[in-house]
N, C-alpha and C. Protein backbone atom coordinates (compact mmCIF):
# COMPACT_ATOMS: atom_id res chain seq x y z
N MET A 1 -39.89 40.46 48.99
CA MET A 1 -38.92 39.71 48.23
C MET A 1 -37.53 39.81 48.87
N GLY A 2 -37.24 40.96 49.44
CA GLY A 2 -35.95 41.12 50.10
C GLY A 2 -35.80 40.19 51.29
N TRP A 3 -36.88 40.03 52.04
CA TRP A 3 -36.84 39.13 53.20
C TRP A 3 -36.61 37.69 52.76
N LEU A 4 -37.29 37.27 51.69
CA LEU A 4 -37.12 35.90 51.21
C LEU A 4 -35.70 35.67 50.69
N PHE A 5 -35.16 36.64 49.97
CA PHE A 5 -33.78 36.52 49.49
C PHE A 5 -32.81 36.45 50.66
N PHE A 6 -33.04 37.26 51.68
CA PHE A 6 -32.16 37.25 52.85
C PHE A 6 -32.20 35.89 53.54
N LEU A 7 -33.39 35.37 53.80
CA LEU A 7 -33.51 34.09 54.51
C LEU A 7 -32.93 32.94 53.69
N GLY A 8 -33.24 32.91 52.40
CA GLY A 8 -32.69 31.86 51.55
C GLY A 8 -31.19 31.97 51.39
N GLY A 9 -30.68 33.18 51.22
CA GLY A 9 -29.24 33.38 51.08
C GLY A 9 -28.47 33.03 52.32
N VAL A 10 -29.01 33.36 53.48
CA VAL A 10 -28.33 33.01 54.73
C VAL A 10 -28.33 31.50 54.92
N ALA A 11 -29.44 30.84 54.55
CA ALA A 11 -29.47 29.37 54.64
C ALA A 11 -28.43 28.75 53.71
N ILE A 12 -28.32 29.27 52.50
CA ILE A 12 -27.31 28.77 51.56
C ILE A 12 -25.91 29.01 52.10
N ASN A 13 -25.67 30.18 52.66
CA ASN A 13 -24.34 30.50 53.18
C ASN A 13 -23.97 29.62 54.37
N TYR A 14 -24.92 29.37 55.28
CA TYR A 14 -24.62 28.50 56.41
C TYR A 14 -24.36 27.07 55.95
N GLN A 15 -25.13 26.61 54.96
CA GLN A 15 -24.91 25.27 54.44
C GLN A 15 -23.54 25.19 53.75
N ALA A 16 -23.20 26.19 52.97
CA ALA A 16 -21.89 26.20 52.30
C ALA A 16 -20.77 26.31 53.32
N ARG A 17 -20.99 27.06 54.38
CA ARG A 17 -19.97 27.23 55.42
C ARG A 17 -19.72 25.91 56.15
N ARG A 18 -20.82 25.16 56.39
CA ARG A 18 -20.68 23.88 57.09
C ARG A 18 -19.96 22.85 56.24
N ARG A 19 -20.24 22.83 54.94
CA ARG A 19 -19.70 21.79 54.06
C ARG A 19 -18.32 22.10 53.50
N SER A 20 -17.95 23.36 53.43
CA SER A 20 -16.71 23.71 52.72
C SER A 20 -15.52 23.70 53.67
N LEU A 21 -14.37 23.64 53.04
CA LEU A 21 -13.14 23.77 53.79
C LEU A 21 -12.94 25.23 54.17
N PRO A 22 -12.17 25.52 55.20
CA PRO A 22 -12.00 26.92 55.63
C PRO A 22 -11.42 27.84 54.55
N GLN A 23 -10.56 27.30 53.66
CA GLN A 23 -9.95 28.19 52.68
C GLN A 23 -10.83 28.42 51.46
N SER A 24 -11.82 27.57 51.22
CA SER A 24 -12.69 27.78 50.06
C SER A 24 -13.97 28.47 50.49
N ARG A 25 -14.43 29.41 49.67
CA ARG A 25 -15.64 30.17 49.99
C ARG A 25 -16.67 29.92 48.90
N ARG A 26 -17.70 29.18 49.24
CA ARG A 26 -18.79 28.95 48.32
C ARG A 26 -20.01 29.65 48.86
N GLY A 27 -21.04 29.69 48.07
CA GLY A 27 -22.26 30.37 48.50
C GLY A 27 -22.32 31.76 47.91
N ILE A 28 -23.17 32.57 48.48
CA ILE A 28 -23.36 33.94 48.03
C ILE A 28 -22.55 34.82 48.97
N PRO A 29 -21.50 35.50 48.51
CA PRO A 29 -20.56 36.15 49.43
C PRO A 29 -21.18 37.07 50.48
N PHE A 30 -21.65 38.22 50.14
CA PHE A 30 -22.16 39.13 51.16
C PHE A 30 -23.53 39.68 50.81
N LEU A 31 -24.10 39.27 49.69
CA LEU A 31 -25.37 39.83 49.23
C LEU A 31 -26.55 39.61 50.19
N PRO A 32 -26.75 38.43 50.78
CA PRO A 32 -27.91 38.28 51.66
C PRO A 32 -27.90 39.24 52.85
N GLY A 33 -26.73 39.47 53.44
CA GLY A 33 -26.66 40.40 54.57
C GLY A 33 -26.97 41.83 54.17
N VAL A 34 -26.45 42.24 53.02
CA VAL A 34 -26.68 43.60 52.54
C VAL A 34 -28.14 43.78 52.14
N VAL A 35 -28.70 42.80 51.44
CA VAL A 35 -30.11 42.90 51.04
C VAL A 35 -31.01 42.88 52.26
N GLY A 36 -30.70 42.06 53.25
CA GLY A 36 -31.49 42.04 54.48
C GLY A 36 -31.41 43.36 55.23
N SER A 37 -30.23 43.95 55.27
CA SER A 37 -30.06 45.23 55.94
C SER A 37 -30.85 46.34 55.22
N LEU A 38 -30.78 46.35 53.90
CA LEU A 38 -31.55 47.35 53.14
C LEU A 38 -33.05 47.13 53.28
N THR A 39 -33.47 45.88 53.34
CA THR A 39 -34.89 45.58 53.51
C THR A 39 -35.39 46.08 54.86
N VAL A 40 -34.60 45.87 55.90
CA VAL A 40 -34.99 46.39 57.23
C VAL A 40 -35.02 47.91 57.19
N PHE A 41 -34.04 48.52 56.53
CA PHE A 41 -33.96 49.98 56.46
C PHE A 41 -35.23 50.56 55.83
N PHE A 42 -35.74 49.92 54.77
CA PHE A 42 -36.94 50.43 54.13
C PHE A 42 -38.22 49.93 54.77
N SER A 43 -38.15 48.89 55.60
CA SER A 43 -39.34 48.38 56.28
C SER A 43 -39.69 49.21 57.52
N ILE A 44 -38.69 49.79 58.16
CA ILE A 44 -38.95 50.55 59.39
C ILE A 44 -39.86 51.75 59.14
N PRO A 45 -39.64 52.58 58.10
CA PRO A 45 -40.58 53.67 57.85
C PRO A 45 -41.98 53.17 57.45
N ALA A 46 -42.04 52.05 56.75
CA ALA A 46 -43.35 51.49 56.39
C ALA A 46 -44.10 51.04 57.63
N LEU A 47 -43.39 50.46 58.58
CA LEU A 47 -44.02 50.06 59.83
C LEU A 47 -44.44 51.28 60.65
N ALA A 48 -43.65 52.35 60.60
CA ALA A 48 -43.99 53.57 61.33
C ALA A 48 -45.28 54.20 60.79
N LYS A 49 -45.49 54.10 59.47
CA LYS A 49 -46.73 54.62 58.90
C LYS A 49 -47.95 53.83 59.38
N LEU A 50 -47.73 52.55 59.70
CA LEU A 50 -48.82 51.71 60.21
C LEU A 50 -49.00 51.84 61.71
N GLY A 51 -48.14 52.62 62.35
CA GLY A 51 -48.26 52.85 63.79
C GLY A 51 -47.44 51.90 64.64
N VAL A 52 -46.57 51.13 64.04
CA VAL A 52 -45.72 50.20 64.77
C VAL A 52 -44.37 50.87 65.00
N GLU A 53 -44.01 51.04 66.26
CA GLU A 53 -42.72 51.65 66.58
C GLU A 53 -41.69 50.55 66.83
N VAL A 54 -40.59 50.60 66.12
CA VAL A 54 -39.54 49.59 66.24
C VAL A 54 -38.48 50.12 67.19
N PRO A 55 -38.25 49.42 68.33
CA PRO A 55 -37.19 49.87 69.23
C PRO A 55 -35.82 49.57 68.65
N TRP A 56 -34.88 50.45 68.87
CA TRP A 56 -33.49 50.32 68.44
C TRP A 56 -33.40 50.02 66.94
N PRO A 57 -33.78 50.95 66.09
CA PRO A 57 -33.79 50.66 64.65
C PRO A 57 -32.42 50.32 64.07
N TRP A 58 -31.35 50.93 64.57
CA TRP A 58 -30.04 50.63 64.01
C TRP A 58 -29.58 49.23 64.36
N LEU A 59 -30.03 48.70 65.47
CA LEU A 59 -29.72 47.31 65.81
C LEU A 59 -30.33 46.37 64.77
N TRP A 60 -31.59 46.63 64.42
CA TRP A 60 -32.28 45.76 63.46
C TRP A 60 -31.72 45.94 62.05
N ILE A 61 -31.20 47.12 61.75
CA ILE A 61 -30.60 47.35 60.43
C ILE A 61 -29.25 46.63 60.32
N LEU A 62 -28.47 46.60 61.39
CA LEU A 62 -27.15 45.96 61.35
C LEU A 62 -27.19 44.47 61.65
N LEU A 63 -28.30 43.98 62.20
CA LEU A 63 -28.40 42.57 62.58
C LEU A 63 -28.25 41.61 61.39
N PRO A 64 -28.86 41.87 60.22
CA PRO A 64 -28.63 40.95 59.10
C PRO A 64 -27.17 40.86 58.66
N LEU A 65 -26.43 41.93 58.82
CA LEU A 65 -25.00 41.90 58.49
C LEU A 65 -24.23 41.01 59.47
N ALA A 66 -24.68 40.95 60.71
CA ALA A 66 -24.02 40.12 61.72
C ALA A 66 -24.43 38.66 61.61
N ILE A 67 -25.64 38.39 61.12
CA ILE A 67 -26.13 37.02 61.03
C ILE A 67 -25.49 36.27 59.87
N ASP A 68 -25.27 36.95 58.76
CA ASP A 68 -24.72 36.31 57.56
C ASP A 68 -23.27 35.89 57.82
N PRO A 69 -22.94 34.59 57.64
CA PRO A 69 -21.58 34.14 57.98
C PRO A 69 -20.50 34.68 57.04
N PHE A 70 -20.87 35.14 55.83
CA PHE A 70 -19.86 35.67 54.91
C PHE A 70 -19.85 37.19 54.90
N CYS A 71 -20.56 37.82 55.82
CA CYS A 71 -20.60 39.28 55.87
C CYS A 71 -19.74 39.74 57.05
N ALA A 72 -20.26 40.55 57.92
CA ALA A 72 -19.48 41.10 59.04
C ALA A 72 -19.01 40.00 60.00
N ALA A 73 -19.86 39.01 60.26
CA ALA A 73 -19.46 37.93 61.17
C ALA A 73 -18.31 37.12 60.59
N GLY A 74 -18.36 36.89 59.29
CA GLY A 74 -17.26 36.17 58.64
C GLY A 74 -15.97 36.96 58.64
N LEU A 75 -16.07 38.25 58.44
CA LEU A 75 -14.87 39.09 58.48
C LEU A 75 -14.25 39.11 59.87
N LEU A 76 -15.07 39.15 60.90
CA LEU A 76 -14.54 39.11 62.26
C LEU A 76 -13.90 37.77 62.56
N ARG A 77 -14.50 36.71 62.05
CA ARG A 77 -13.93 35.38 62.26
C ARG A 77 -12.58 35.25 61.56
N LEU A 78 -12.48 35.81 60.34
CA LEU A 78 -11.19 35.76 59.64
C LEU A 78 -10.14 36.62 60.32
N ALA A 79 -10.54 37.75 60.86
CA ALA A 79 -9.59 38.64 61.53
C ALA A 79 -9.08 38.03 62.82
N ARG A 80 -9.90 37.19 63.43
CA ARG A 80 -9.52 36.58 64.70
C ARG A 80 -8.47 35.48 64.51
N LYS A 81 -8.44 34.86 63.31
CA LYS A 81 -7.51 33.75 63.06
C LYS A 81 -6.12 34.22 62.84
């Protein structure tokens, strides 16, 4: 369920980002990135129990925060302006 929420929320955020003016923020603020990051965090030990080794686990944990336009990527974009 966390993966579905992350994918749907990121799609909503990108659509809201494309349609909205720069000063207005619509969509789901930072929840999809945080939920995606937590989902990866709890999925890595479950995959390890199945014998799947995930290379660079912290990269995969932080990647949903970077993908979401209203999370870390959005904050960097605002700081750059």
